[in-house]
C-alpha atoms as a PDB file:
ATOM      1  CA  UNK A   1     -23.350  23.763  17.179  1.00  0.00           C
ATOM      2  CA  UNK A   2     -21.070  20.790  19.597  1.00  0.00           C
ATOM      3  CA  UNK A   3     -19.063  18.683  17.302  1.00  0.00           C
ATOM      4  CA  UNK A   4     -20.656  15.460  18.450  1.00  0.00           C
ATOM      5  CA  UNK A   5     -24.059  16.872  17.531  1.00  0.00           C
ATOM      6  CA  UNK A   6     -23.081  17.664  14.691  1.00  0.00           C
ATOM      7  CA  UNK A   7     -21.970  13.875  13.924  1.00  0.00           C
ATOM      8  CA  UNK A   8     -25.084  12.800  15.200  1.00  0.00           C
ATOM      9  CA  UNK A   9     -27.077  14.895  12.681  1.00  0.00           C
ATOM     10  CA  UNK A  10     -25.208  13.115  10.162  1.00  0.00           C
ATOM     11  CA  UNK A  11     -26.329   9.531  11.404  1.00  0.00           C
ATOM     12  CA  UNK A  12     -29.261  10.665  12.230  1.00  0.00           C
ATOM     13  CA  UNK A  13     -29.321  11.385   8.134  1.00  0.00           C
ATOM     14  CA  UNK A  14     -28.657   8.022   7.072  1.00  0.00           C
ATOM     15  CA  UNK A  15     -31.895   6.701   8.771  1.00  0.00           C
ATOM     16  CA  UNK A  16     -33.798   8.977   6.020  1.00  0.00           C
ATOM     17  CA  UNK A  17     -31.208   8.755   3.018  1.00  0.00           C
ATOM     18  CA  UNK A  18     -30.799   5.494   3.475  1.00  0.00           C
ATOM     19  CA  UNK A  19     -27.251   6.429   2.261  1.00  0.00           C
ATOM     20  CA  UNK A  20     -24.486   4.763   4.466  1.00  0.00           C
ATOM     21  CA  UNK A  21     -21.600   7.526   5.546  1.00  0.00           C
ATOM     22  CA  UNK A  22     -17.656   7.075   5.842  1.00  0.00           C
ATOM     23  CA  UNK A  23     -16.321   6.145   9.348  1.00  0.00           C
ATOM     24  CA  UNK A  24     -16.339   8.874  11.453  1.00  0.00           C
ATOM     25  CA  UNK A  25     -12.916   9.586  12.211  1.00  0.00           C
ATOM     26  CA  UNK A  26     -11.162  10.413  15.442  1.00  0.00           C
ATOM     27  CA  UNK A  27     -13.435   9.660  18.424  1.00  0.00           C
ATOM     28  CA  UNK A  28     -13.298   8.996  22.233  1.00  0.00           C
ATOM     29  CA  UNK A  29     -14.795   6.666  23.552  1.00  0.00           C
ATOM     30  CA  UNK A  30     -17.276   9.523  25.924  1.00  0.00           C
ATOM     31  CA  UNK A  31     -17.230  11.094  22.283  1.00  0.00           C
ATOM     32  CA  UNK A  32     -18.963   8.561  20.924  1.00  0.00           C
ATOM     33  CA  UNK A  33     -21.187   7.741  23.659  1.00  0.00           C
ATOM     34  CA  UNK A  34     -22.245  11.583  23.835  1.00  0.00           C
ATOM     35  CA  UNK A  35     -23.061  11.313  19.786  1.00  0.00           C
ATOM     36  CA  UNK A  36     -25.284   7.713  21.293  1.00  0.00           C
ATOM     37  CA  UNK A  37     -26.968  10.439  23.221  1.00  0.00           C
ATOM     38  CA  UNK A  38     -27.779  13.271  21.367  1.00  0.00           C
ATOM     39  CA  UNK A  39     -29.482  10.877  19.047  1.00  0.00           C
ATOM     40  CA  UNK A  40     -31.037   9.120  21.668  1.00  0.00           C
ATOM     41  CA  UNK A  41     -32.796  12.885  23.284  1.00  0.00           C
ATOM     42  CA  UNK A  42     -33.748  13.569  19.878  1.00  0.00           C
ATOM     43  CA  UNK A  43     -35.692  10.652  19.063  1.00  0.00           C
ATOM     44  CA  UNK A  44     -37.594  11.185  22.766  1.00  0.00           C
ATOM     45  CA  UNK A  45     -37.892  14.722  22.022  1.00  0.00           C
ATOM     46  CA  UNK A  46     -40.010  13.541  18.879  1.00  0.00           C
ATOM     47  CA  UNK A  47     -42.103  10.960  20.645  1.00  0.00           C
ATOM     48  CA  UNK A  48     -40.382   7.740  20.559  1.00  0.00           C
ATOM     49  CA  UNK A  49     -39.528   5.671  24.275  1.00  0.00           C
ATOM     50  CA  UNK A  50     -36.727   3.783  25.484  1.00  0.00           C
ATOM     51  CA  UNK A  51     -37.773   0.828  26.627  1.00  0.00           C
ATOM     52  CA  UNK A  52     -34.296  -0.720  27.310  1.00  0.00           C
ATOM     53  CA  UNK A  53     -30.802  -1.273  26.280  1.00  0.00           C
ATOM     54  CA  UNK A  54     -28.502  -3.760  24.269  1.00  0.00           C
ATOM     55  CA  UNK A  55     -24.828  -5.030  25.671  1.00  0.00           C
ATOM     56  CA  UNK A  56     -22.667  -5.650  22.265  1.00  0.00           C
ATOM     57  CA  UNK A  57     -18.898  -6.479  22.014  1.00  0.00           C
ATOM     58  CA  UNK A  58     -19.867  -9.622  24.504  1.00  0.00           C
ATOM     59  CA  UNK A  59     -17.430 -11.952  22.250  1.00  0.00           C
ATOM     60  CA  UNK A  60     -13.829 -11.946  23.046  1.00  0.00           C
ATOM     61  CA  UNK A  61     -12.669 -12.092  19.489  1.00  0.00           C
ATOM     62  CA  UNK A  62     -14.945  -8.801  18.596  1.00  0.00           C
ATOM     63  CA  UNK A  63     -13.546  -7.255  21.374  1.00  0.00           C
ATOM     64  CA  UNK A  64      -9.663  -8.126  20.083  1.00  0.00           C
ATOM     65  CA  UNK A  65     -10.868  -7.305  16.737  1.00  0.00           C
ATOM     66  CA  UNK A  66     -12.302  -3.755  17.781  1.00  0.00           C
ATOM     67  CA  UNK A  67      -8.958  -3.560  20.154  1.00  0.00           C
ATOM     68  CA  UNK A  68     -11.133  -3.007  23.376  1.00  0.00           C
ATOM     69  CA  UNK A  69     -11.406  -4.463  26.896  1.00  0.00           C
ATOM     70  CA  UNK A  70     -15.518  -4.503  27.582  1.00  0.00           C
ATOM     71  CA  UNK A  71     -18.086  -4.571  25.848  1.00  0.00           C
ATOM     72  CA  UNK A  72     -20.544  -1.702  24.662  1.00  0.00           C
ATOM     73  CA  UNK A  73     -24.364  -0.255  25.072  1.00  0.00           C
ATOM     74  CA  UNK A  74     -27.162   1.323  23.002  1.00  0.00           C
ATOM     75  CA  UNK A  75     -30.483   2.100  23.360  1.00  0.00           C
ATOM     76  CA  UNK A  76     -33.415   0.108  22.615  1.00  0.00           C
ATOM     77  CA  UNK A  77     -36.379   2.302  20.862  1.00  0.00           C
ATOM     78  CA  UNK A  78     -40.245   1.565  21.475  1.00  0.00           C
ATOM     79  CA  UNK A  79     -40.231   1.145  16.956  1.00  0.00           C
ATOM     80  CA  UNK A  80     -37.283  -1.096  16.996  1.00  0.00           C
ATOM     81  CA  UNK A  81     -39.893  -4.348  18.349  1.00  0.00           C
ATOM     82  CA  UNK A  82     -41.091  -6.175  15.668  1.00  0.00           C
ATOM     83  CA  UNK A  83     -43.719  -9.308  16.553  1.00  0.00           C
ATOM     84  CA  UNK A  84     -42.254 -12.620  15.747  1.00  0.00           C
ATOM     85  CA  UNK A  85     -43.075 -14.203  12.783  1.00  0.00           C
ATOM     86  CA  UNK A  86     -44.984 -10.698  11.269  1.00  0.00           C
ATOM     87  CA  UNK A  87     -42.861  -9.410   8.287  1.00  0.00           C
ATOM     88  CA  UNK A  88     -40.691  -6.898   9.183  1.00  0.00           C
ATOM     89  CA  UNK A  89     -39.470  -4.041   6.178  1.00  0.00           C
ATOM     90  CA  UNK A  90     -37.136  -4.023   4.651  1.00  0.00           C
ATOM     91  CA  UNK A  91     -36.435  -0.245   4.567  1.00  0.00           C
ATOM     92  CA  UNK A  92     -35.641   0.166   8.330  1.00  0.00           C
ATOM     93  CA  UNK A  93     -32.322  -1.138   7.610  1.00  0.00           C
ATOM     94  CA  UNK A  94     -29.251  -0.413   5.242  1.00  0.00           C
ATOM     95  CA  UNK A  95     -27.014  -3.494   5.654  1.00  0.00           C
ATOM     96  CA  UNK A  96     -29.382  -5.985   8.604  1.00  0.00           C
ATOM     97  CA  UNK A  97     -27.840  -9.029  10.081  1.00  0.00           C
ATOM     98  CA  UNK A  98     -29.663 -11.159  12.717  1.00  0.00           C
ATOM     99  CA  UNK A  99     -27.707 -12.281  16.091  1.00  0.00           C
ATOM    100  CA  UNK A 100     -29.352 -14.723  18.249  1.00  0.00           C
ATOM    101  CA  UNK A 101     -29.410 -13.470  22.089  1.00  0.00           C
ATOM    102  CA  UNK A 102     -31.342 -13.934  25.467  1.00  0.00           C
ATOM    103  CA  UNK A 103     -32.748 -11.470  26.393  1.00  0.00           C
ATOM    104  CA  UNK A 104     -34.144 -10.118  30.202  1.00  0.00           C
ATOM    105  CA  UNK A 105     -36.698  -8.406  31.004  1.00  0.00           C
ATOM    106  CA  UNK A 106     -36.433  -6.651  34.430  1.00  0.00           C
ATOM    107  CA  UNK A 107     -39.161  -6.814  37.402  1.00  0.00           C
ATOM    108  CA  UNK A 108     -37.407  -4.094  39.452  1.00  0.00           C
ATOM    109  CA  UNK A 109     -35.200  -1.283  38.790  1.00  0.00           C
ATOM    110  CA  UNK A 110     -31.068  -1.967  38.953  1.00  0.00           C
ATOM    111  CA  UNK A 111     -29.154   0.357  39.812  1.00  0.00           C
ATOM    112  CA  UNK A 112     -25.181   0.650  39.869  1.00  0.00           C
ATOM    113  CA  UNK A 113     -22.409   1.117  40.391  1.00  0.00           C
ATOM    114  CA  UNK A 114     -21.906  -1.809  43.128  1.00  0.00           C
ATOM    115  CA  UNK A 115     -23.984  -4.560  41.428  1.00  0.00           C
ATOM    116  CA  UNK A 116     -23.764  -7.758  42.090  1.00  0.00           C
ATOM    117  CA  UNK A 117     -24.766 -10.705  40.221  1.00  0.00           C
ATOM    118  CA  UNK A 118     -27.073 -11.609  43.265  1.00  0.00           C
ATOM    119  CA  UNK A 119     -28.801  -8.312  42.783  1.00  0.00           C
ATOM    120  CA  UNK A 120     -28.880  -8.780  38.962  1.00  0.00           C
ATOM    121  CA  UNK A 121     -30.321 -12.588  38.683  1.00  0.00           C
ATOM    122  CA  UNK A 122     -32.949 -10.465  41.540  1.00  0.00           C
ATOM    123  CA  UNK A 123     -34.032  -7.872  39.446  1.00  0.00           C
ATOM    124  CA  UNK A 124     -34.750 -10.699  36.628  1.00  0.00           C
ATOM    125  CA  UNK A 125     -38.814 -11.291  35.708  1.00  0.00           C
ATOM    126  CA  UNK A 126     -38.275 -13.739  33.186  1.00  0.00           C
ATOM    127  CA  UNK A 127     -36.313 -14.567  30.238  1.00  0.00           C
ATOM    128  CA  UNK A 128     -37.135 -14.315  26.286  1.00  0.00           C
ATOM    129  CA  UNK A 129     -35.499 -15.776  23.085  1.00  0.00           C
ATOM    130  CA  UNK A 130     -34.755 -12.991  20.859  1.00  0.00           C
ATOM    131  CA  UNK A 131     -33.318 -11.676  17.872  1.00  0.00           C
ATOM    132  CA  UNK A 132     -31.237  -8.689  16.808  1.00  0.00           C
ATOM    133  CA  UNK A 133     -31.041  -7.420  14.096  1.00  0.00           C
ATOM    134  CA  UNK A 134     -28.303  -5.528  14.319  1.00  0.00           C
ATOM    135  CA  UNK A 135     -27.940  -2.672  11.597  1.00  0.00           C
ATOM    136  CA  UNK A 136     -24.763  -0.143  10.880  1.00  0.00           C
ATOM    137  CA  UNK A 137     -24.897   3.618   9.246  1.00  0.00           C
ATOM    138  CA  UNK A 138     -21.309   3.123   8.534  1.00  0.00           C
ATOM    139  CA  UNK A 139     -20.322   2.316   5.369  1.00  0.00           C
ATOM    140  CA  UNK A 140     -19.315  -1.686   4.278  1.00  0.00           C
ATOM    141  CA  UNK A 141     -19.411  -2.030   8.152  1.00  0.00           C
ATOM    142  CA  UNK A 142     -16.182  -0.592   8.025  1.00  0.00           C
ATOM    143  CA  UNK A 143     -16.536  -0.140  12.149  1.00  0.00           C
ATOM    144  CA  UNK A 144     -13.844   0.445  14.533  1.00  0.00           C
ATOM    145  CA  UNK A 145     -15.121   0.734  18.210  1.00  0.00           C
ATOM    146  CA  UNK A 146     -16.128   4.454  18.467  1.00  0.00           C
ATOM    147  CA  UNK A 147     -18.449   4.620  15.194  1.00  0.00           C
ATOM    148  CA  UNK A 148     -20.267   1.697  16.356  1.00  0.00           C
ATOM    149  CA  UNK A 149     -20.908   2.955  20.375  1.00  0.00           C
ATOM    150  CA  UNK A 150     -21.642   6.445  18.181  1.00  0.00           C
ATOM    151  CA  UNK A 151     -24.239   4.532  15.990  1.00  0.00           C
ATOM    152  CA  UNK A 152     -26.138   2.780  19.323  1.00  0.00           C
ATOM    153  CA  UNK A 153     -23.692  -0.055  19.123  1.00  0.00           C
ATOM    154  CA  UNK A 154     -24.684  -0.362  15.575  1.00  0.00           C
ATOM    155  CA  UNK A 155     -28.611  -1.362  16.261  1.00  0.00           C
ATOM    156  CA  UNK A 156     -31.498  -2.340  14.648  1.00  0.00           C
ATOM    157  CA  UNK A 157     -34.040  -3.700  15.821  1.00  0.00           C
ATOM    158  CA  UNK A 158     -35.228  -6.737  17.880  1.00  0.00           C
ATOM    159  CA  UNK A 159     -37.540  -9.839  17.669  1.00  0.00           C
ATOM    160  CA  UNK A 160     -38.609 -11.304  21.065  1.00  0.00           C
ATOM    161  CA  UNK A 161     -40.063 -14.903  21.415  1.00  0.00           C
ATOM    162  CA  UNK A 162     -43.106 -15.302  23.398  1.00  0.00           C
ATOM    163  CA  UNK A 163     -42.143 -17.725  25.949  1.00  0.00           C
ATOM    164  CA  UNK A 164     -41.065 -16.374  29.149  1.00  0.00           C
ATOM    165  CA  UNK A 165     -39.258 -18.091  30.989  1.00  0.00           C
ATOM    166  CA  UNK A 166     -37.922 -17.809  35.081  1.00  0.00           C
ATOM    167  CA  UNK A 167     -33.802 -17.757  35.052  1.00  0.00           C
ATOM    168  CA  UNK A 168     -33.719 -20.702  37.587  1.00  0.00           C
ATOM    169  CA  UNK A 169     -35.058 -23.297  35.012  1.00  0.00           C
ATOM    170  CA  UNK A 170     -32.154 -22.118  32.217  1.00  0.00           C
ATOM    171  CA  UNK A 171     -28.293 -23.305  32.349  1.00  0.00           C
ATOM    172  CA  UNK A 172     -26.959 -19.835  31.744  1.00  0.00           C
ATOM    173  CA  UNK A 173     -23.324 -20.877  31.047  1.00  0.00           C
ATOM    174  CA  UNK A 174     -23.668 -24.333  29.026  1.00  0.00           C
ATOM    175  CA  UNK A 175     -27.501 -23.773  27.628  1.00  0.00           C
ATOM    176  CA  UNK A 176     -27.324 -24.147  23.700  1.00  0.00           C
ATOM    177  CA  UNK A 177     -28.448 -22.347  21.171  1.00  0.00           C
ATOM    178  CA  UNK A 178     -28.481 -22.571  17.257  1.00  0.00           C
ATOM    179  CA  UNK A 179     -29.660 -20.619  14.638  1.00  0.00           C
ATOM    180  CA  UNK A 180     -31.061 -21.345  11.118  1.00  0.00           C
ATOM    181  CA  UNK A 181     -31.468 -19.138   8.176  1.00  0.00           C
ATOM    182  CA  UNK A 182     -34.128 -20.220   5.502  1.00  0.00           C
ATOM    183  CA  UNK A 183     -34.417 -23.575   7.443  1.00  0.00           C
ATOM    184  CA  UNK A 184     -30.245 -23.842   6.515  1.00  0.00           C
ATOM    185  CA  UNK A 185     -27.910 -24.242  10.152  1.00  0.00           C
ATOM    186  CA  UNK A 186     -26.114 -21.225  10.335  1.00  0.00           C
ATOM    187  CA  UNK A 187     -24.259 -21.172  13.808  1.00  0.00           C
ATOM    188  CA  UNK A 188     -24.150 -22.415  16.718  1.00  0.00           C
ATOM    189  CA  UNK A 189     -23.091 -21.706  20.201  1.00  0.00           C
ATOM    190  CA  UNK A 190     -23.877 -21.194  23.707  1.00  0.00           C
ATOM    191  CA  UNK A 191     -24.962 -18.736  26.549  1.00  0.00           C
ATOM    192  CA  UNK A 192     -21.881 -18.829  27.799  1.00  0.00           C
ATOM    193  CA  UNK A 193     -20.105 -17.046  25.018  1.00  0.00           C
ATOM    194  CA  UNK A 194     -21.609 -13.774  26.388  1.00  0.00           C
ATOM    195  CA  UNK A 195     -18.874 -12.793  28.693  1.00  0.00           C
ATOM    196  CA  UNK A 196     -19.103 -16.287  30.960  1.00  0.00           C
ATOM    197  CA  UNK A 197     -23.133 -15.899  31.020  1.00  0.00           C
ATOM    198  CA  UNK A 198     -25.353 -13.532  30.052  1.00  0.00           C
ATOM    199  CA  UNK A 199     -25.828 -12.793  33.934  1.00  0.00           C
ATOM    200  CA  UNK A 200     -22.224 -11.243  33.365  1.00  0.00           C
ATOM    201  CA  UNK A 201     -23.521  -9.031  30.392  1.00  0.00           C
ATOM    202  CA  UNK A 202     -26.654  -7.538  32.757  1.00  0.00           C
ATOM    203  CA  UNK A 203     -24.140  -6.841  35.776  1.00  0.00           C
ATOM    204  CA  UNK A 204     -21.759  -5.085  33.602  1.00  0.00           C
ATOM    205  CA  UNK A 205     -24.552  -2.816  31.987  1.00  0.00           C
ATOM    206  CA  UNK A 206     -26.248  -1.797  35.778  1.00  0.00           C
ATOM    207  CA  UNK A 207     -22.949  -0.393  36.326  1.00  0.00           C
ATOM    208  CA  UNK A 208     -22.058   0.824  33.295  1.00  0.00           C
ATOM    209  CA  UNK A 209     -25.298   3.461  33.138  1.00  0.00           C
ATOM    210  CA  UNK A 210     -25.184   3.821  37.146  1.00  0.00           C
ATOM    211  CA  UNK A 211     -21.660   5.718  36.357  1.00  0.00           C
ATOM    212  CA  UNK A 212     -22.984   7.613  33.941  1.00  0.00           C
ATOM    213  CA  UNK A 213     -26.779   8.592  36.514  1.00  0.00           C
ATOM    214  CA  UNK A 214     -28.529   5.806  34.168  1.00  0.00           C
ATOM    215  CA  UNK A 215     -31.115   2.885  36.289  1.00  0.00           C
ATOM    216  CA  UNK A 216     -32.143   0.656  34.029  1.00  0.00           C
ATOM    217  CA  UNK A 217     -36.201   0.180  34.554  1.00  0.00           C
ATOM    218  CA  UNK A 218     -38.972  -2.322  35.553  1.00  0.00           C
ATOM    219  CA  UNK A 219     -40.014  -3.676  32.485  1.00  0.00           C
ATOM    220  CA  UNK A 220     -37.287  -2.611  30.495  1.00  0.00           C
ATOM    221  CA  UNK A 221     -36.283  -5.501  28.042  1.00  0.00           C
ATOM    222  CA  UNK A 222     -32.191  -6.185  28.114  1.00  0.00           C
ATOM    223  CA  UNK A 223     -30.734  -8.004  25.367  1.00  0.00           C
ATOM    224  CA  UNK A 224     -27.610  -9.118  26.582  1.00  0.00           C
ATOM    225  CA  UNK A 225     -24.958 -10.452  23.362  1.00  0.00           C
ATOM    226  CA  UNK A 226     -25.440 -12.650  20.921  1.00  0.00           C
ATOM    227  CA  UNK A 227     -24.711 -16.242  21.694  1.00  0.00           C
ATOM    228  CA  UNK A 228     -22.854 -16.694  17.932  1.00  0.00           C
ATOM    229  CA  UNK A 229     -21.590 -14.869  15.257  1.00  0.00           C
ATOM    230  CA  UNK A 230     -23.969 -13.035  13.108  1.00  0.00           C
ATOM    231  CA  UNK A 231     -25.913 -13.710   9.653  1.00  0.00           C
ATOM    232  CA  UNK A 232     -26.669 -11.621   6.828  1.00  0.00           C
ATOM    233  CA  UNK A 233     -30.236 -11.065   6.971  1.00  0.00           C
ATOM    234  CA  UNK A 234     -31.581 -10.224   3.437  1.00  0.00           C
ATOM    235  CA  UNK A 235     -35.067  -9.326   1.476  1.00  0.00           C
ATOM    236  CA  UNK A 236     -37.276 -13.087   1.945  1.00  0.00           C
ATOM    237  CA  UNK A 237     -35.319 -14.611   4.566  1.00  0.00           C
ATOM    238  CA  UNK A 238     -36.799 -16.113   7.518  1.00  0.00           C
ATOM    239  CA  UNK A 239     -34.390 -16.670  10.332  1.00  0.00           C
ATOM    240  CA  UNK A 240     -34.897 -18.777  13.372  1.00  0.00           C
ATOM    241  CA  UNK A 241     -32.835 -18.717  16.247  1.00  0.00           C
ATOM    242  CA  UNK A 242     -33.249 -21.724  19.120  1.00  0.00           C
ATOM    243  CA  UNK A 243     -32.697 -22.116  22.877  1.00  0.00           C
ATOM    244  CA  UNK A 244     -31.929 -24.804  25.160  1.00  0.00           C
ATOM    245  CA  UNK A 245     -34.896 -24.546  28.003  1.00  0.00           C
ATOM    246  CA  UNK A 246     -35.623 -21.290  26.811  1.00  0.00           C
ATOM    247  CA  UNK A 247     -37.350 -22.591  22.904  1.00  0.00           C
ATOM    248  CA  UNK A 248     -37.755 -20.316  19.557  1.00  0.00           C
ATOM    249  CA  UNK A 249     -38.136 -16.869  18.226  1.00  0.00           C
ATOM    250  CA  UNK A 250     -38.709 -16.509  14.045  1.00  0.00           C
ATOM    251  CA  UNK A 251     -38.083 -13.316  11.937  1.00  0.00           C
ATOM    252  CA  UNK A 252     -38.947 -12.653   8.568  1.00  0.00           C
ATOM    253  CA  UNK A 253     -37.376  -9.650   6.565  1.00  0.00           C
ATOM    254  CA  UNK A 254     -39.678  -8.470   3.810  1.00  0.00           C
ATOM    255  CA  UNK A 255     -39.374  -9.268   0.314  1.00  0.00           C
ATOM    256  CA  UNK A 256     -38.298  -6.355  -1.656  1.00  0.00           C
ATOM    257  CA  UNK A 257     -40.608  -4.837  -3.815  1.00  0.00           C
ATOM    258  CA  UNK A 258     -40.286  -2.411  -7.058  1.00  0.00           C
END
């Protein structure tokens, strides 16, 4: 079995055992994406479906921390989507955190390389407010760039709001965002914190996937990156993100029961 498949198996076991693993060691970026893809192929082979992608490391501060010059991406599977205001099972996560993001839903396919901002804007059907639940199968979030890429870009789940808004009604640079945890303000930010504009995140994703022979498909969801720092998401918490012009989205994490 190739080394990347072996590492993928270790990460997959962590989902089942609920025991985080140690950092993955020396992996190149290409090897890390091979580990991610190995997991995705096993998930889809068992009947799960890819319904979109997420872009991570859109914050300049996070990229500096991990010593990289560009974002990363992960896959969104069908069972990662949770209904707004419905309790989300605690058992799905090991060390969850919540991030507010603007989600794009594509109206047409988008295929790179060579995608421009104009192409991306034309391809988006509408935007939705979203909360991404990031998670790590790496112990204590001791991640480097290869760890997070291999671990499906630290994906966990996503809650989408229900208000669909065309992009021409949004300020994708200066539009503000607030995050509340249990009715207490946890942070504020702006859409421009995401690579200057969430549209730039979509352009990067389409071109990066295009170089790997993958196109973004109509109907798929793209999480464009967090507008502010993630907050811990504990059992019993209620987290709400509010976006200017886009509305709110709320996520509930189940209380742990004995």
